[in-house]
Amino acid sequence: MAKKRPKQLAILDEDLCTGCEACITVCPVDCIDKISDPAHPGYAMGLCTIDMNRCIGCKLCAQVCPWDCITMVPTDEVLSNDKVAVLVE
């Protein structure tokens, strides 16, 4: 049986993320990690990344982010964006 998609998903704006890890500490399903790929442009600064396949749409990360770089977006809207939809399988 496939996992039911949440009504909304957390989208992180990498341009605003400082890697403070506030979101990581509150995520109940551990779907947020620090980028560990040295080839990624934001690696040196320590950006966070969200695994949208594990996100349950609880909003906790968006509520605690001191930089307002996490936005809750309706899942249908996320899936309609071709660039982001490939991240949600």
N, C-alpha and C. Protein backbone atom coordinates (compact mmCIF):
# COMPACT_ATOMS: atom_id res chain seq x y z
N MET A 1 0.83 -1.17 0.00
CA MET A 1 0.00 0.00 0.00
C MET A 1 0.88 1.24 0.00
N ALA A 2 0.59 2.18 -0.87
CA ALA A 2 1.38 3.39 -1.01
C ALA A 2 1.06 4.38 0.11
N LYS A 3 2.07 5.14 0.47
CA LYS A 3 1.89 6.17 1.49
C LYS A 3 0.97 7.26 0.96
N LYS A 4 0.04 7.68 1.79
CA LYS A 4 -0.85 8.77 1.41
C LYS A 4 -0.08 10.09 1.49
N ARG A 5 -0.19 10.88 0.45
CA ARG A 5 0.52 12.16 0.41
C ARG A 5 -0.11 13.16 1.38
N PRO A 6 0.73 13.95 2.06
CA PRO A 6 0.17 15.00 2.92
C PRO A 6 -0.46 16.10 2.08
N LYS A 7 -1.29 16.92 2.69
CA LYS A 7 -1.96 18.01 1.96
C LYS A 7 -0.97 19.08 1.53
N GLN A 8 0.15 19.18 2.25
CA GLN A 8 1.15 20.17 1.91
C GLN A 8 2.53 19.61 2.19
N LEU A 9 3.53 20.20 1.53
CA LEU A 9 4.91 19.76 1.71
C LEU A 9 5.78 20.97 2.04
N ALA A 10 6.86 20.72 2.76
CA ALA A 10 7.80 21.78 3.10
C ALA A 10 8.77 22.00 1.95
N ILE A 11 8.86 23.26 1.51
CA ILE A 11 9.81 23.63 0.45
C ILE A 11 10.82 24.59 1.06
N LEU A 12 12.09 24.29 0.90
CA LEU A 12 13.15 25.09 1.48
C LEU A 12 13.81 25.96 0.41
N ASP A 13 13.94 27.24 0.67
CA ASP A 13 14.62 28.16 -0.24
C ASP A 13 16.11 28.15 0.12
N GLU A 14 16.90 27.48 -0.70
CA GLU A 14 18.33 27.33 -0.41
C GLU A 14 19.07 28.66 -0.41
N ASP A 15 18.53 29.66 -1.09
CA ASP A 15 19.18 30.96 -1.12
C ASP A 15 19.11 31.66 0.24
N LEU A 16 18.13 31.31 1.05
CA LEU A 16 17.95 31.94 2.35
C LEU A 16 18.49 31.11 3.52
N CYS A 17 18.65 29.80 3.31
CA CYS A 17 19.05 28.89 4.38
C CYS A 17 20.48 29.18 4.85
N THR A 18 20.65 29.23 6.18
CA THR A 18 21.97 29.45 6.77
C THR A 18 22.55 28.18 7.38
N GLY A 19 21.76 27.10 7.35
CA GLY A 19 22.23 25.84 7.92
C GLY A 19 22.22 25.83 9.44
N CYS A 20 21.34 26.61 10.05
CA CYS A 20 21.30 26.73 11.52
C CYS A 20 20.81 25.46 12.21
N GLU A 21 20.16 24.58 11.48
CA GLU A 21 19.67 23.27 11.96
C GLU A 21 18.46 23.34 12.87
N ALA A 22 17.80 24.48 12.99
CA ALA A 22 16.60 24.57 13.82
C ALA A 22 15.54 23.61 13.30
N CYS A 23 15.40 23.53 11.99
CA CYS A 23 14.40 22.65 11.39
C CYS A 23 14.72 21.18 11.63
N ILE A 24 15.99 20.84 11.60
CA ILE A 24 16.41 19.46 11.80
C ILE A 24 16.00 18.97 13.18
N THR A 25 16.16 19.82 14.18
CA THR A 25 15.89 19.41 15.55
C THR A 25 14.42 19.16 15.84
N VAL A 26 13.51 19.80 15.07
CA VAL A 26 12.07 19.63 15.35
C VAL A 26 11.37 18.64 14.44
N CYS A 27 12.00 18.21 13.38
CA CYS A 27 11.33 17.33 12.42
C CYS A 27 11.04 15.96 13.05
N PRO A 28 9.75 15.58 13.14
CA PRO A 28 9.40 14.31 13.79
C PRO A 28 9.70 13.08 12.94
N VAL A 29 9.95 13.26 11.65
CA VAL A 29 10.22 12.11 10.78
C VAL A 29 11.62 12.12 10.19
N ASP A 30 12.47 13.00 10.69
CA ASP A 30 13.87 13.10 10.25
C ASP A 30 14.01 13.19 8.73
N CYS A 31 13.21 14.06 8.11
CA CYS A 31 13.31 14.21 6.66
C CYS A 31 14.18 15.40 6.25
N ILE A 32 14.80 16.06 7.22
CA ILE A 32 15.65 17.21 6.93
C ILE A 32 17.08 16.88 7.34
N ASP A 33 18.01 17.12 6.44
CA ASP A 33 19.42 16.85 6.69
C ASP A 33 20.26 18.01 6.20
N LYS A 34 21.50 18.04 6.66
CA LYS A 34 22.47 18.99 6.12
C LYS A 34 23.00 18.40 4.81
N ILE A 35 23.31 19.26 3.87
CA ILE A 35 23.86 18.80 2.60
C ILE A 35 25.26 18.25 2.85
N SER A 36 25.48 17.04 2.38
CA SER A 36 26.76 16.39 2.62
C SER A 36 27.54 16.15 1.32
N ASP A 37 27.12 16.82 0.26
CA ASP A 37 27.77 16.65 -1.04
C ASP A 37 28.67 17.85 -1.31
N PRO A 38 29.99 17.68 -1.25
CA PRO A 38 30.90 18.80 -1.49
C PRO A 38 30.74 19.43 -2.87
N ALA A 39 30.13 18.72 -3.82
CA ALA A 39 29.93 19.27 -5.15
C ALA A 39 28.73 20.22 -5.21
N HIS A 40 27.88 20.22 -4.16
CA HIS A 40 26.71 21.09 -4.14
C HIS A 40 27.16 22.53 -3.87
N PRO A 41 26.59 23.51 -4.58
CA PRO A 41 27.02 24.91 -4.42
C PRO A 41 26.89 25.45 -3.00
N GLY A 42 25.97 24.95 -2.20
CA GLY A 42 25.78 25.48 -0.86
C GLY A 42 26.49 24.69 0.22
N TYR A 43 27.34 23.73 -0.16
CA TYR A 43 27.98 22.85 0.81
C TYR A 43 28.82 23.61 1.83
N ALA A 44 29.61 24.57 1.40
CA ALA A 44 30.51 25.28 2.29
C ALA A 44 29.74 26.02 3.39
N MET A 45 28.55 26.52 3.05
CA MET A 45 27.77 27.26 4.02
C MET A 45 26.98 26.33 4.94
N GLY A 46 26.75 25.11 4.53
CA GLY A 46 26.03 24.16 5.36
C GLY A 46 24.53 24.25 5.23
N LEU A 47 24.01 24.16 4.03
CA LEU A 47 22.57 24.23 3.80
C LEU A 47 21.86 22.97 4.26
N CYS A 48 20.58 23.12 4.52
CA CYS A 48 19.74 21.97 4.83
C CYS A 48 18.98 21.56 3.58
N THR A 49 18.49 20.34 3.57
CA THR A 49 17.70 19.84 2.46
C THR A 49 16.55 19.00 3.02
N ILE A 50 15.43 19.01 2.32
CA ILE A 50 14.24 18.29 2.78
C ILE A 50 13.93 17.14 1.83
N ASP A 51 13.78 15.95 2.38
CA ASP A 51 13.37 14.78 1.60
C ASP A 51 11.84 14.79 1.55
N MET A 52 11.30 15.26 0.44
CA MET A 52 9.85 15.43 0.33
C MET A 52 9.10 14.11 0.31
N ASN A 53 9.78 13.01 0.04
CA ASN A 53 9.11 11.71 0.09
C ASN A 53 8.83 11.29 1.53
N ARG A 54 9.60 11.83 2.47
CA ARG A 54 9.39 11.50 3.88
C ARG A 54 8.61 12.58 4.64
N CYS A 55 8.49 13.77 4.05
CA CYS A 55 7.80 14.89 4.70
C CYS A 55 6.33 14.53 4.94
N ILE A 56 5.85 14.85 6.15
CA ILE A 56 4.44 14.57 6.48
C ILE A 56 3.60 15.85 6.53
N GLY A 57 4.22 16.98 6.21
CA GLY A 57 3.47 18.24 6.16
C GLY A 57 3.05 18.78 7.51
N CYS A 58 3.83 18.54 8.55
CA CYS A 58 3.43 18.93 9.91
C CYS A 58 3.61 20.42 10.21
N LYS A 59 4.38 21.13 9.41
CA LYS A 59 4.63 22.58 9.53
C LYS A 59 5.63 22.97 10.62
N LEU A 60 6.12 22.04 11.40
CA LEU A 60 7.01 22.41 12.50
C LEU A 60 8.27 23.11 12.01
N CYS A 61 8.84 22.62 10.93
CA CYS A 61 10.07 23.22 10.42
C CYS A 61 9.85 24.66 9.99
N ALA A 62 8.74 24.91 9.32
CA ALA A 62 8.43 26.27 8.86
C ALA A 62 8.19 27.20 10.05
N GLN A 63 7.63 26.67 11.12
CA GLN A 63 7.34 27.49 12.29
C GLN A 63 8.60 27.88 13.05
N VAL A 64 9.62 27.03 13.07
CA VAL A 64 10.81 27.33 13.86
C VAL A 64 11.94 27.98 13.06
N CYS A 65 11.84 27.99 11.75
CA CYS A 65 12.92 28.55 10.93
C CYS A 65 13.07 30.05 11.21
N PRO A 66 14.22 30.47 11.76
CA PRO A 66 14.39 31.89 12.09
C PRO A 66 14.58 32.76 10.86
N TRP A 67 14.84 32.17 9.72
CA TRP A 67 15.10 32.92 8.49
C TRP A 67 13.93 32.85 7.52
N ASP A 68 12.83 32.21 7.91
CA ASP A 68 11.64 32.08 7.06
C ASP A 68 11.97 31.54 5.67
N CYS A 69 12.83 30.54 5.63
CA CYS A 69 13.20 29.99 4.32
C CYS A 69 12.44 28.71 4.00
N ILE A 70 11.55 28.26 4.90
CA ILE A 70 10.74 27.07 4.63
C ILE A 70 9.29 27.50 4.49
N THR A 71 8.70 27.10 3.37
CA THR A 71 7.31 27.44 3.08
C THR A 71 6.53 26.15 2.90
N MET A 72 5.33 26.13 3.44
CA MET A 72 4.44 24.99 3.23
C MET A 72 3.64 25.26 1.96
N VAL A 73 3.72 24.33 1.01
CA VAL A 73 3.08 24.48 -0.28
C VAL A 73 2.13 23.31 -0.50
N PRO A 74 0.92 23.57 -1.00
CA PRO A 74 -0.01 22.47 -1.27
C PRO A 74 0.64 21.40 -2.16
N THR A 75 0.45 20.15 -1.82
CA THR A 75 1.08 19.06 -2.55
C THR A 75 0.73 19.08 -4.03
N ASP A 76 -0.52 19.38 -4.37
CA ASP A 76 -0.91 19.45 -5.78
C ASP A 76 -0.09 20.48 -6.54
N GLU A 77 0.19 21.60 -5.88
CA GLU A 77 0.99 22.65 -6.51
C GLU A 77 2.43 22.19 -6.70
N VAL A 78 2.96 21.48 -5.72
CA VAL A 78 4.32 20.94 -5.82
C VAL A 78 4.41 19.96 -6.99
N LEU A 79 3.43 19.06 -7.08
CA LEU A 79 3.45 18.04 -8.13
C LEU A 79 3.23 18.62 -9.52
N SER A 80 2.62 19.80 -9.61
CA SER A 80 2.40 20.41 -10.91
C SER A 80 3.65 21.13 -11.43
N ASN A 81 4.64 21.34 -10.56
CA ASN A 81 5.89 21.97 -10.96
C ASN A 81 6.86 20.88 -11.40
N ASP A 82 7.18 20.83 -12.67
CA ASP A 82 8.01 19.75 -13.21
C ASP A 82 9.38 19.65 -12.53
N LYS A 83 9.98 20.78 -12.17
CA LYS A 83 11.30 20.76 -11.54
C LYS A 83 11.26 20.11 -10.16
N VAL A 84 10.20 20.35 -9.43
CA VAL A 84 10.09 19.83 -8.06
C VAL A 84 9.43 18.46 -8.04
N ALA A 85 8.51 18.21 -8.95
CA ALA A 85 7.76 16.95 -8.96
C ALA A 85 8.67 15.73 -9.05
N VAL A 86 9.81 15.86 -9.71
CA VAL A 86 10.74 14.72 -9.81
C VAL A 86 11.33 14.34 -8.47
N LEU A 87 11.30 15.26 -7.49
CA LEU A 87 11.81 14.97 -6.17
C LEU A 87 10.79 14.22 -5.31
N VAL A 88 9.54 14.21 -5.76
CA VAL A 88 8.48 13.54 -5.02
C VAL A 88 8.02 12.34 -5.85
N GLU A 89 8.47 11.18 -5.47
CA GLU A 89 8.11 10.00 -6.25
C GLU A 89 7.21 9.08 -5.46
